[in-house]
Amino acid sequence: MAPILPVGSHIAVIAPASRFVPDRLEQGLNLLRDWGYTPHVFDGVSDPVRNFAAPDSVRLAHLVRAFQDPQYDAIWAIRGGYGVTRFIDDVPWDTLTAKPLLGFSDLTPLLDVATRQIGATCVHAPVIHSLPSHDDASLAWLRALLTGATREPLRGDTWVGGDATGPLVGGNLCMLASTCGTSSQLDATGCIVVLEDVGEPAYRIDRMLQQLASAGVFNGVAGVALGTFTGCAAPEGQGWDIDDVLRDHLSRLGVPVLAGLPIGHGAANHAFVVRSQGVLANGTLRIGVSDGPVVA
């Protein structure tokens, strides 16, 4: 498989969402340097306004510059949190050059829109801020993905049996719900939808899933791949849990559902290329059957 980010690549490091902890950024940058990459942190990434890393206009300008400037081979977000949807409608896609964009969580809609708009290879991957907190298996997987090495299928728990093949889309459930009714709403027709979340009470997960269903996001999906739902517990002593909420909604779709995959906000966070081909079969998810995005 062709490498997405060969060793020696120059990476534009931007903060498109929340403010970050400088020490955690430096730890992540050191890891990238150890892998043979050259990260370039943009000036002004830490000029916080409320909970944002910088004003909306600065965060947007950094994203545009990173895509436009040929000295950068790829773009990697420092942190997610919240902030991308405040400027996503203002991105001048017709002026940008496709290159890899890496991140997850709050970047979920940006990854999909950049893939569809300019054919960028967008990787749902740990942000730099979180790189040191992910387990060795996730980091080894990420390096293999970026350098084009072979990766084994991910194993999960089959909730609804059957096989499915299609482009991998989605990511953070909260962000997918927040874009319903906007120009960034996910079109998952024929796709395998990946879902994960963190710190959301079970009733909010229920509400988000219902919002996706009511907005038609699940219409025509090929399958569902569930990552981790960290800190999304049901009220204590109720006799049900977050899995019951997920099963209630997703079993109605009549498509294969594989749960318990190592994708999300926990220590395990295995990367995937947005809209690359995936296969659900025999309790596994094969990721990156083809490495490039499949864009309609």
C-alpha atoms as a PDB file:
ATOM      1  CA  MET A   1       0.000   0.000   0.000  1.00  0.00           C
ATOM      2  CA  ALA A   2       1.211   3.485  -0.800  1.00  0.00           C
ATOM      3  CA  PRO A   3       2.357   5.559   2.185  1.00  0.00           C
ATOM      4  CA  ILE A   4       0.101   8.425   3.243  1.00  0.00           C
ATOM      5  CA  LEU A   5       2.871  10.279   5.061  1.00  0.00           C
ATOM      6  CA  PRO A   6       6.391   9.075   4.195  1.00  0.00           C
ATOM      7  CA  VAL A   7       9.145   9.474   6.773  1.00  0.00           C
ATOM      8  CA  GLY A   8      10.720  12.906   6.365  1.00  0.00           C
ATOM      9  CA  SER A   9       7.436  14.667   5.615  1.00  0.00           C
ATOM     10  CA  HIS A  10       6.861  18.211   6.827  1.00  0.00           C
ATOM     11  CA  ILE A  11       3.693  18.612   8.883  1.00  0.00           C
ATOM     12  CA  ALA A  12       1.734  21.813   9.466  1.00  0.00           C
ATOM     13  CA  VAL A  13       0.636  21.764  13.118  1.00  0.00           C
ATOM     14  CA  ILE A  14      -2.543  23.776  13.738  1.00  0.00           C
ATOM     15  CA  ALA A  15      -5.126  24.175  16.511  1.00  0.00           C
ATOM     16  CA  PRO A  16      -8.527  24.398  14.795  1.00  0.00           C
ATOM     17  CA  ALA A  17     -10.597  23.927  17.938  1.00  0.00           C
ATOM     18  CA  SER A  18      -9.989  24.086  21.706  1.00  0.00           C
ATOM     19  CA  ARG A  19      -7.037  25.475  23.616  1.00  0.00           C
ATOM     20  CA  PHE A  20      -4.396  22.923  24.566  1.00  0.00           C
ATOM     21  CA  VAL A  21      -1.804  22.096  27.217  1.00  0.00           C
ATOM     22  CA  PRO A  22       1.677  23.089  25.917  1.00  0.00           C
ATOM     23  CA  ASP A  23       3.457  20.230  27.692  1.00  0.00           C
ATOM     24  CA  ARG A  24       1.161  17.658  26.073  1.00  0.00           C
ATOM     25  CA  LEU A  25       1.723  19.265  22.679  1.00  0.00           C
ATOM     26  CA  GLU A  26       5.495  19.048  23.132  1.00  0.00           C
ATOM     27  CA  GLN A  27       5.288  15.375  24.099  1.00  0.00           C
ATOM     28  CA  GLY A  28       3.280  14.671  20.957  1.00  0.00           C
ATOM     29  CA  LEU A  29       5.676  16.651  18.774  1.00  0.00           C
ATOM     30  CA  ASN A  30       8.627  14.720  20.179  1.00  0.00           C
ATOM     31  CA  LEU A  31       6.908  11.485  19.255  1.00  0.00           C
ATOM     32  CA  LEU A  32       6.426  12.697  15.664  1.00  0.00           C
ATOM     33  CA  ARG A  33      10.093  13.706  15.521  1.00  0.00           C
ATOM     34  CA  ASP A  34      11.085  10.260  16.775  1.00  0.00           C
ATOM     35  CA  TRP A  35       9.074   8.806  13.890  1.00  0.00           C
ATOM     36  CA  GLY A  36      11.123  10.853  11.432  1.00  0.00           C
ATOM     37  CA  TYR A  37       8.676  13.693  10.724  1.00  0.00           C
ATOM     38  CA  THR A  38       9.304  17.448  10.846  1.00  0.00           C
ATOM     39  CA  PRO A  39       6.416  19.275  12.536  1.00  0.00           C
ATOM     40  CA  HIS A  40       5.967  23.036  12.101  1.00  0.00           C
ATOM     41  CA  VAL A  41       3.812  24.668  14.793  1.00  0.00           C
ATOM     42  CA  PHE A  42       2.054  27.752  13.436  1.00  0.00           C
ATOM     43  CA  ASP A  43       2.507  31.040  15.247  1.00  0.00           C
ATOM     44  CA  GLY A  44      -0.642  32.126  17.050  1.00  0.00           C
ATOM     45  CA  VAL A  45      -2.025  28.644  17.715  1.00  0.00           C
ATOM     46  CA  SER A  46      -2.148  29.564  21.399  1.00  0.00           C
ATOM     47  CA  ASP A  47      -3.901  32.929  21.538  1.00  0.00           C
ATOM     48  CA  PRO A  48      -6.947  31.705  23.441  1.00  0.00           C
ATOM     49  CA  VAL A  49     -10.406  33.214  23.314  1.00  0.00           C
ATOM     50  CA  ARG A  50     -12.671  31.609  25.906  1.00  0.00           C
ATOM     51  CA  ASN A  51     -12.163  27.854  25.389  1.00  0.00           C
ATOM     52  CA  PHE A  52     -10.842  28.222  21.819  1.00  0.00           C
ATOM     53  CA  ALA A  53      -7.153  28.016  20.956  1.00  0.00           C
ATOM     54  CA  ALA A  54      -7.407  31.290  19.007  1.00  0.00           C
ATOM     55  CA  PRO A  55     -10.095  33.470  17.403  1.00  0.00           C
ATOM     56  CA  ASP A  56     -12.209  31.859  14.694  1.00  0.00           C
ATOM     57  CA  SER A  57     -10.560  33.973  12.007  1.00  0.00           C
ATOM     58  CA  VAL A  58      -7.077  32.845  13.036  1.00  0.00           C
ATOM     59  CA  ARG A  59      -7.999  29.174  13.218  1.00  0.00           C
ATOM     60  CA  LEU A  60      -9.602  29.370   9.780  1.00  0.00           C
ATOM     61  CA  ALA A  61      -6.612  31.242   8.336  1.00  0.00           C
ATOM     62  CA  HIS A  62      -4.239  28.586   9.689  1.00  0.00           C
ATOM     63  CA  LEU A  63      -6.241  25.803   8.058  1.00  0.00           C
ATOM     64  CA  VAL A  64      -6.300  27.616   4.703  1.00  0.00           C
ATOM     65  CA  ARG A  65      -2.593  28.427   4.830  1.00  0.00           C
ATOM     66  CA  ALA A  66      -1.705  24.848   5.738  1.00  0.00           C
ATOM     67  CA  PHE A  67      -3.589  23.520   2.711  1.00  0.00           C
ATOM     68  CA  GLN A  68      -2.258  26.195   0.354  1.00  0.00           C
ATOM     69  CA  ASP A  69       1.425  26.312   1.310  1.00  0.00           C
ATOM     70  CA  PRO A  70       3.415  23.716  -0.694  1.00  0.00           C
ATOM     71  CA  GLN A  71       6.131  23.434   1.956  1.00  0.00           C
ATOM     72  CA  TYR A  72       3.741  21.341   4.093  1.00  0.00           C
ATOM     73  CA  ASP A  73       3.076  17.733   3.110  1.00  0.00           C
ATOM     74  CA  ALA A  74       0.261  17.224   5.608  1.00  0.00           C
ATOM     75  CA  ILE A  75      -1.772  18.918   8.346  1.00  0.00           C
ATOM     76  CA  TRP A  76      -2.165  17.551  11.873  1.00  0.00           C
ATOM     77  CA  ALA A  77      -4.454  19.029  14.527  1.00  0.00           C
ATOM     78  CA  ILE A  78      -3.103  19.665  18.005  1.00  0.00           C
ATOM     79  CA  ARG A  79      -6.412  19.039  19.741  1.00  0.00           C
ATOM     80  CA  GLY A  80     -10.130  18.583  19.156  1.00  0.00           C
ATOM     81  CA  GLY A  81     -12.578  19.815  21.773  1.00  0.00           C
ATOM     82  CA  TYR A  82     -14.881  22.324  20.111  1.00  0.00           C
ATOM     83  CA  GLY A  83     -14.576  24.979  17.446  1.00  0.00           C
ATOM     84  CA  VAL A  84     -14.418  23.572  13.896  1.00  0.00           C
ATOM     85  CA  THR A  85     -18.118  24.002  13.147  1.00  0.00           C
ATOM     86  CA  ARG A  86     -17.830  27.731  13.896  1.00  0.00           C
ATOM     87  CA  PHE A  87     -15.877  28.298  10.655  1.00  0.00           C
ATOM     88  CA  ILE A  88     -16.399  25.215   8.474  1.00  0.00           C
ATOM     89  CA  ASP A  89     -18.940  27.039   6.267  1.00  0.00           C
ATOM     90  CA  ASP A  90     -16.341  29.731   5.487  1.00  0.00           C
ATOM     91  CA  VAL A  91     -13.561  27.452   4.213  1.00  0.00           C
ATOM     92  CA  PRO A  92     -12.715  28.458   0.594  1.00  0.00           C
ATOM     93  CA  TRP A  93     -12.401  24.909  -0.700  1.00  0.00           C
ATOM     94  CA  ASP A  94     -11.923  25.975  -4.321  1.00  0.00           C
ATOM     95  CA  THR A  95      -8.603  27.611  -3.370  1.00  0.00           C
ATOM     96  CA  LEU A  96      -7.136  24.642  -1.484  1.00  0.00           C
ATOM     97  CA  THR A  97      -4.804  21.854  -2.575  1.00  0.00           C
ATOM     98  CA  ALA A  98      -5.520  18.316  -1.398  1.00  0.00           C
ATOM     99  CA  LYS A  99      -3.115  16.920   1.206  1.00  0.00           C
ATOM    100  CA  PRO A 100      -3.501  14.619   4.230  1.00  0.00           C
ATOM    101  CA  LEU A 101      -5.377  16.041   7.216  1.00  0.00           C
ATOM    102  CA  LEU A 102      -5.196  14.189  10.546  1.00  0.00           C
ATOM    103  CA  GLY A 103      -7.307  14.428  13.680  1.00  0.00           C
ATOM    104  CA  PHE A 104     -10.550  13.202  15.230  1.00  0.00           C
ATOM    105  CA  SER A 105     -13.299  14.150  17.676  1.00  0.00           C
ATOM    106  CA  ASP A 106     -14.258  17.778  16.877  1.00  0.00           C
ATOM    107  CA  LEU A 107     -12.598  17.369  13.462  1.00  0.00           C
ATOM    108  CA  THR A 108     -15.076  14.659  12.431  1.00  0.00           C
ATOM    109  CA  PRO A 109     -17.129  16.865  10.058  1.00  0.00           C
ATOM    110  CA  LEU A 110     -14.047  18.638   8.704  1.00  0.00           C
ATOM    111  CA  LEU A 111     -12.440  15.328   7.740  1.00  0.00           C
ATOM    112  CA  ASP A 112     -15.476  14.282   5.722  1.00  0.00           C
ATOM    113  CA  VAL A 113     -16.037  17.658   4.061  1.00  0.00           C
ATOM    114  CA  ALA A 114     -12.363  17.985   3.059  1.00  0.00           C
ATOM    115  CA  THR A 115     -12.486  14.479   1.580  1.00  0.00           C
ATOM    116  CA  ARG A 116     -15.577  15.249  -0.474  1.00  0.00           C
ATOM    117  CA  GLN A 117     -14.712  18.798  -1.470  1.00  0.00           C
ATOM    118  CA  ILE A 118     -11.086  18.455  -2.574  1.00  0.00           C
ATOM    119  CA  GLY A 119     -10.314  14.745  -2.431  1.00  0.00           C
ATOM    120  CA  ALA A 120      -7.961  15.148   0.530  1.00  0.00           C
ATOM    121  CA  THR A 121      -6.780  11.963   2.246  1.00  0.00           C
ATOM    122  CA  CYS A 122      -8.195  12.603   5.699  1.00  0.00           C
ATOM    123  CA  VAL A 123      -7.222  10.320   8.555  1.00  0.00           C
ATOM    124  CA  HIS A 124      -9.425   9.831  11.611  1.00  0.00           C
ATOM    125  CA  ALA A 125      -6.413   9.606  13.914  1.00  0.00           C
ATOM    126  CA  PRO A 126      -5.222  10.726  17.337  1.00  0.00           C
ATOM    127  CA  VAL A 127      -4.598  14.454  17.632  1.00  0.00           C
ATOM    128  CA  ILE A 128      -1.048  15.438  18.582  1.00  0.00           C
ATOM    129  CA  HIS A 129      -2.231  16.393  22.084  1.00  0.00           C
ATOM    130  CA  SER A 130      -3.412  12.820  22.725  1.00  0.00           C
ATOM    131  CA  LEU A 131      -0.670  10.828  20.982  1.00  0.00           C
ATOM    132  CA  PRO A 132       1.283  10.081  24.188  1.00  0.00           C
ATOM    133  CA  SER A 133      -1.867   8.818  25.954  1.00  0.00           C
ATOM    134  CA  HIS A 134      -2.774   6.135  23.411  1.00  0.00           C
ATOM    135  CA  ASP A 135      -1.582   2.560  23.768  1.00  0.00           C
ATOM    136  CA  ASP A 136       1.335   1.019  21.912  1.00  0.00           C
ATOM    137  CA  ALA A 137      -0.951  -0.974  19.608  1.00  0.00           C
ATOM    138  CA  SER A 138      -2.727   2.194  18.444  1.00  0.00           C
ATOM    139  CA  LEU A 139       0.544   4.017  17.800  1.00  0.00           C
ATOM    140  CA  ALA A 140       2.008   1.051  15.915  1.00  0.00           C
ATOM    141  CA  TRP A 141      -1.180   0.859  13.831  1.00  0.00           C
ATOM    142  CA  LEU A 142      -0.985   4.580  13.058  1.00  0.00           C
ATOM    143  CA  ARG A 143       2.650   4.347  11.946  1.00  0.00           C
ATOM    144  CA  ALA A 144       1.797   1.373   9.754  1.00  0.00           C
ATOM    145  CA  LEU A 145      -1.114   3.238   8.194  1.00  0.00           C
ATOM    146  CA  LEU A 146       0.964   6.349   7.482  1.00  0.00           C
ATOM    147  CA  THR A 147       3.885   4.426   6.001  1.00  0.00           C
ATOM    148  CA  GLY A 148       1.806   1.958   3.967  1.00  0.00           C
ATOM    149  CA  ALA A 149       2.555  -1.168   6.006  1.00  0.00           C
ATOM    150  CA  THR A 150       0.104  -4.073   6.271  1.00  0.00           C
ATOM    151  CA  ARG A 151      -2.362  -4.059   9.169  1.00  0.00           C
ATOM    152  CA  GLU A 152      -4.421  -6.892  10.625  1.00  0.00           C
ATOM    153  CA  PRO A 153      -8.229  -6.580  10.813  1.00  0.00           C
ATOM    154  CA  LEU A 154      -9.709  -5.147  14.008  1.00  0.00           C
ATOM    155  CA  ARG A 155     -11.779  -7.564  16.088  1.00  0.00           C
ATOM    156  CA  GLY A 156     -15.063  -6.673  17.735  1.00  0.00           C
ATOM    157  CA  ASP A 157     -18.312  -8.105  19.079  1.00  0.00           C
ATOM    158  CA  THR A 158     -20.990  -8.980  16.534  1.00  0.00           C
ATOM    159  CA  TRP A 159     -24.325  -7.459  17.553  1.00  0.00           C
ATOM    160  CA  VAL A 160     -26.065  -7.906  14.221  1.00  0.00           C
ATOM    161  CA  GLY A 161     -24.586 -10.517  11.898  1.00  0.00           C
ATOM    162  CA  GLY A 162     -23.812 -10.308   8.228  1.00  0.00           C
ATOM    163  CA  ASP A 163     -21.175  -8.882   5.919  1.00  0.00           C
ATOM    164  CA  ALA A 164     -20.865  -5.305   4.692  1.00  0.00           C
ATOM    165  CA  THR A 165     -18.505  -3.489   2.366  1.00  0.00           C
ATOM    166  CA  GLY A 166     -18.352   0.255   1.863  1.00  0.00           C
ATOM    167  CA  PRO A 167     -16.486   3.489   2.503  1.00  0.00           C
ATOM    168  CA  LEU A 168     -15.760   4.201   6.180  1.00  0.00           C
ATOM    169  CA  VAL A 169     -17.362   7.426   7.403  1.00  0.00           C
ATOM    170  CA  GLY A 170     -18.248   9.074  10.676  1.00  0.00           C
ATOM    171  CA  GLY A 171     -16.415   9.297  13.954  1.00  0.00           C
ATOM    172  CA  ASN A 172     -17.628  11.294  16.936  1.00  0.00           C
ATOM    173  CA  LEU A 173     -21.363  10.865  17.437  1.00  0.00           C
ATOM    174  CA  CYS A 174     -21.871  14.265  19.077  1.00  0.00           C
ATOM    175  CA  MET A 175     -20.263  16.049  16.135  1.00  0.00           C
ATOM    176  CA  LEU A 176     -22.279  14.054  13.607  1.00  0.00           C
ATOM    177  CA  ALA A 177     -25.472  15.006  15.417  1.00  0.00           C
ATOM    178  CA  SER A 178     -24.460  18.672  15.617  1.00  0.00           C
ATOM    179  CA  THR A 179     -24.146  18.888  11.819  1.00  0.00           C
ATOM    180  CA  CYS A 180     -27.631  17.524  11.091  1.00  0.00           C
ATOM    181  CA  GLY A 181     -29.527  20.080   9.024  1.00  0.00           C
ATOM    182  CA  THR A 182     -26.346  21.874   7.970  1.00  0.00           C
ATOM    183  CA  SER A 183     -24.280  21.777   4.800  1.00  0.00           C
ATOM    184  CA  SER A 184     -21.875  19.441   6.627  1.00  0.00           C
ATOM    185  CA  GLN A 185     -24.478  16.766   7.416  1.00  0.00           C
ATOM    186  CA  LEU A 186     -23.046  13.319   6.779  1.00  0.00           C
ATOM    187  CA  ASP A 187     -24.199  11.441   3.682  1.00  0.00           C
ATOM    188  CA  ALA A 188     -23.615   7.808   4.658  1.00  0.00           C
ATOM    189  CA  THR A 189     -25.464   6.112   1.816  1.00  0.00           C
ATOM    190  CA  GLY A 190     -23.735   2.823   1.030  1.00  0.00           C
ATOM    191  CA  CYS A 191     -21.163   3.414   3.767  1.00  0.00           C
ATOM    192  CA  ILE A 192     -20.035   1.760   6.980  1.00  0.00           C
ATOM    193  CA  VAL A 193     -20.655   4.315   9.734  1.00  0.00           C
ATOM    194  CA  VAL A 194     -18.112   4.463  12.566  1.00  0.00           C
ATOM    195  CA  LEU A 195     -19.434   5.872  15.865  1.00  0.00           C
ATOM    196  CA  GLU A 196     -17.674   6.705  19.150  1.00  0.00           C
ATOM    197  CA  ASP A 197     -18.041   9.238  21.937  1.00  0.00           C
ATOM    198  CA  VAL A 198     -16.792  10.365  25.324  1.00  0.00           C
ATOM    199  CA  GLY A 199     -18.292  11.937  28.453  1.00  0.00           C
ATOM    200  CA  GLU A 200     -21.901  11.938  27.255  1.00  0.00           C
ATOM    201  CA  PRO A 201     -24.611  10.585  29.574  1.00  0.00           C
ATOM    202  CA  ALA A 202     -26.594   7.701  28.113  1.00  0.00           C
ATOM    203  CA  TYR A 203     -29.733   9.793  27.561  1.00  0.00           C
ATOM    204  CA  ARG A 204     -27.724  12.195  25.390  1.00  0.00           C
ATOM    205  CA  ILE A 205     -26.370   9.297  23.338  1.00  0.00           C
ATOM    206  CA  ASP A 206     -29.994   8.213  22.860  1.00  0.00           C
ATOM    207  CA  ARG A 207     -30.955  11.723  21.735  1.00  0.00           C
ATOM    208  CA  MET A 208     -28.036  11.967  19.294  1.00  0.00           C
ATOM    209  CA  LEU A 209     -28.814   8.605  17.712  1.00  0.00           C
ATOM    210  CA  GLN A 210     -32.455   9.614  17.327  1.00  0.00           C
ATOM    211  CA  GLN A 211     -31.344  12.890  15.732  1.00  0.00           C
ATOM    212  CA  LEU A 212     -29.242  11.016  13.164  1.00  0.00           C
ATOM    213  CA  ALA A 213     -32.131   8.682  12.433  1.00  0.00           C
ATOM    214  CA  SER A 214     -34.686  11.492  12.126  1.00  0.00           C
ATOM    215  CA  ALA A 215     -32.363  13.469   9.843  1.00  0.00           C
ATOM    216  CA  GLY A 216     -31.958  10.477   7.529  1.00  0.00           C
ATOM    217  CA  VAL A 217     -28.252   9.968   8.188  1.00  0.00           C
ATOM    218  CA  PHE A 218     -28.751   6.224   8.636  1.00  0.00           C
ATOM    219  CA  ASN A 219     -30.772   5.853   5.438  1.00  0.00           C
ATOM    220  CA  GLY A 220     -29.072   3.411   3.080  1.00  0.00           C
ATOM    221  CA  VAL A 221     -26.078   2.631   5.308  1.00  0.00           C
ATOM    222  CA  ALA A 222     -24.242  -0.626   4.638  1.00  0.00           C
ATOM    223  CA  GLY A 223     -23.204  -1.308   8.226  1.00  0.00           C
ATOM    224  CA  VAL A 224     -22.230   0.190  11.579  1.00  0.00           C
ATOM    225  CA  ALA A 225     -18.890  -0.103  13.395  1.00  0.00           C
ATOM    226  CA  LEU A 226     -18.947   0.971  17.037  1.00  0.00           C
ATOM    227  CA  GLY A 227     -15.842   2.169  18.811  1.00  0.00           C
ATOM    228  CA  THR A 228     -15.626   3.041  22.495  1.00  0.00           C
ATOM    229  CA  PHE A 229     -18.124   5.119  24.437  1.00  0.00           C
ATOM    230  CA  THR A 230     -15.881   6.274  27.262  1.00  0.00           C
ATOM    231  CA  GLY A 231     -17.623   7.780  30.295  1.00  0.00           C
ATOM    232  CA  CYS A 232     -21.076   7.333  28.756  1.00  0.00           C
ATOM    233  CA  ALA A 233     -22.620   5.322  31.560  1.00  0.00           C
ATOM    234  CA  ALA A 234     -26.303   4.938  32.300  1.00  0.00           C
ATOM    235  CA  PRO A 235     -27.595   6.062  35.710  1.00  0.00           C
ATOM    236  CA  GLU A 236     -26.435   3.736  38.462  1.00  0.00           C
ATOM    237  CA  GLY A 237     -28.767   0.954  39.504  1.00  0.00           C
ATOM    238  CA  GLN A 238     -31.116   1.253  36.510  1.00  0.00           C
ATOM    239  CA  GLY A 239     -30.550  -2.259  35.208  1.00  0.00           C
ATOM    240  CA  TRP A 240     -29.502  -1.124  31.737  1.00  0.00           C
ATOM    241  CA  ASP A 241     -26.378   0.359  30.210  1.00  0.00           C
ATOM    242  CA  ILE A 242     -25.068   2.298  27.240  1.00  0.00           C
ATOM    243  CA  ASP A 243     -24.978  -0.861  25.110  1.00  0.00           C
ATOM    244  CA  ASP A 244     -28.749  -1.181  25.522  1.00  0.00           C
ATOM    245  CA  VAL A 245     -29.193   2.337  24.136  1.00  0.00           C
ATOM    246  CA  LEU A 246     -26.954   1.632  21.166  1.00  0.00           C
ATOM    247  CA  ARG A 247     -28.578  -1.734  20.425  1.00  0.00           C
ATOM    248  CA  ASP A 248     -32.063  -0.216  20.634  1.00  0.00           C
ATOM    249  CA  HIS A 249     -31.345   2.248  17.840  1.00  0.00           C
ATOM    250  CA  LEU A 250     -28.919   0.366  15.629  1.00  0.00           C
ATOM    251  CA  SER A 251     -30.612  -3.035  15.561  1.00  0.00           C
ATOM    252  CA  ARG A 252     -33.544  -1.369  13.769  1.00  0.00           C
ATOM    253  CA  LEU A 253     -31.417  -0.547  10.743  1.00  0.00           C
ATOM    254  CA  GLY A 254     -31.300  -4.102   9.436  1.00  0.00           C
ATOM    255  CA  VAL A 255     -27.575  -3.950   8.660  1.00  0.00           C
ATOM    256  CA  PRO A 256     -24.509  -5.603  10.244  1.00  0.00           C
ATOM    257  CA  VAL A 257     -23.385  -4.004  13.509  1.00  0.00           C
ATOM    258  CA  LEU A 258     -19.956  -4.674  15.012  1.00  0.00           C
ATOM    259  CA  ALA A 259     -19.240  -3.236  18.468  1.00  0.00           C
ATOM    260  CA  GLY A 260     -16.301  -2.949  20.858  1.00  0.00           C
ATOM    261  CA  LEU A 261     -13.763  -1.787  18.295  1.00  0.00           C
ATOM    262  CA  PRO A 262     -10.602   0.020  19.482  1.00  0.00           C
ATOM    263  CA  ILE A 263     -11.538   3.407  18.028  1.00  0.00           C
ATOM    264  CA  GLY A 264     -12.300   6.443  20.165  1.00  0.00           C
ATOM    265  CA  HIS A 265     -11.246   8.570  23.105  1.00  0.00           C
ATOM    266  CA  GLY A 266      -9.793   5.811  25.256  1.00  0.00           C
ATOM    267  CA  ALA A 267      -6.268   4.441  25.286  1.00  0.00           C
ATOM    268  CA  ALA A 268      -7.086   2.450  22.140  1.00  0.00           C
ATOM    269  CA  ASN A 269      -7.659   4.620  19.074  1.00  0.00           C
ATOM    270  CA  HIS A 270      -6.875   2.896  15.774  1.00  0.00           C
ATOM    271  CA  ALA A 271      -6.822   5.247  12.805  1.00  0.00           C
ATOM    272  CA  PHE A 272      -8.685   4.942   9.510  1.00  0.00           C
ATOM    273  CA  VAL A 273      -8.773   6.916   6.276  1.00  0.00           C
ATOM    274  CA  VAL A 274     -12.145   8.604   5.868  1.00  0.00           C
ATOM    275  CA  ARG A 275     -14.093   7.121   2.932  1.00  0.00           C
ATOM    276  CA  SER A 276     -11.499   4.416   2.344  1.00  0.00           C
ATOM    277  CA  GLN A 277     -13.008   1.012   1.745  1.00  0.00           C
ATOM    278  CA  GLY A 278     -13.821  -1.134   4.758  1.00  0.00           C
ATOM    279  CA  VAL A 279     -15.216  -4.629   5.192  1.00  0.00           C
ATOM    280  CA  LEU A 280     -17.293  -5.980   8.094  1.00  0.00           C
ATOM    281  CA  ALA A 281     -17.180  -9.792   8.187  1.00  0.00           C
ATOM    282  CA  ASN A 282     -16.771 -12.612  10.701  1.00  0.00           C
ATOM    283  CA  GLY A 283     -16.515 -10.332  13.716  1.00  0.00           C
ATOM    284  CA  THR A 284     -13.804  -8.151  12.193  1.00  0.00           C
ATOM    285  CA  LEU A 285     -13.420  -4.800  10.493  1.00  0.00           C
ATOM    286  CA  ARG A 286     -10.845  -4.657   7.719  1.00  0.00           C
ATOM    287  CA  ILE A 287      -9.690  -1.041   7.414  1.00  0.00           C
ATOM    288  CA  GLY A 288      -8.068   0.467   4.358  1.00  0.00           C
ATOM    289  CA  VAL A 289      -8.860  -2.201   1.809  1.00  0.00           C
ATOM    290  CA  SER A 290      -7.933   0.656  -0.512  1.00  0.00           C
ATOM    291  CA  ASP A 291      -5.993   3.518   1.035  1.00  0.00           C
ATOM    292  CA  GLY A 292      -7.377   6.410  -0.974  1.00  0.00           C
ATOM    293  CA  PRO A 293     -10.745   8.023  -0.290  1.00  0.00           C
ATOM    294  CA  VAL A 294     -13.721   6.756  -2.256  1.00  0.00           C
ATOM    295  CA  VAL A 295     -15.509   9.954  -3.238  1.00  0.00           C
ATOM    296  CA  ALA A 296     -18.766   9.923  -5.151  1.00  0.00           C
END
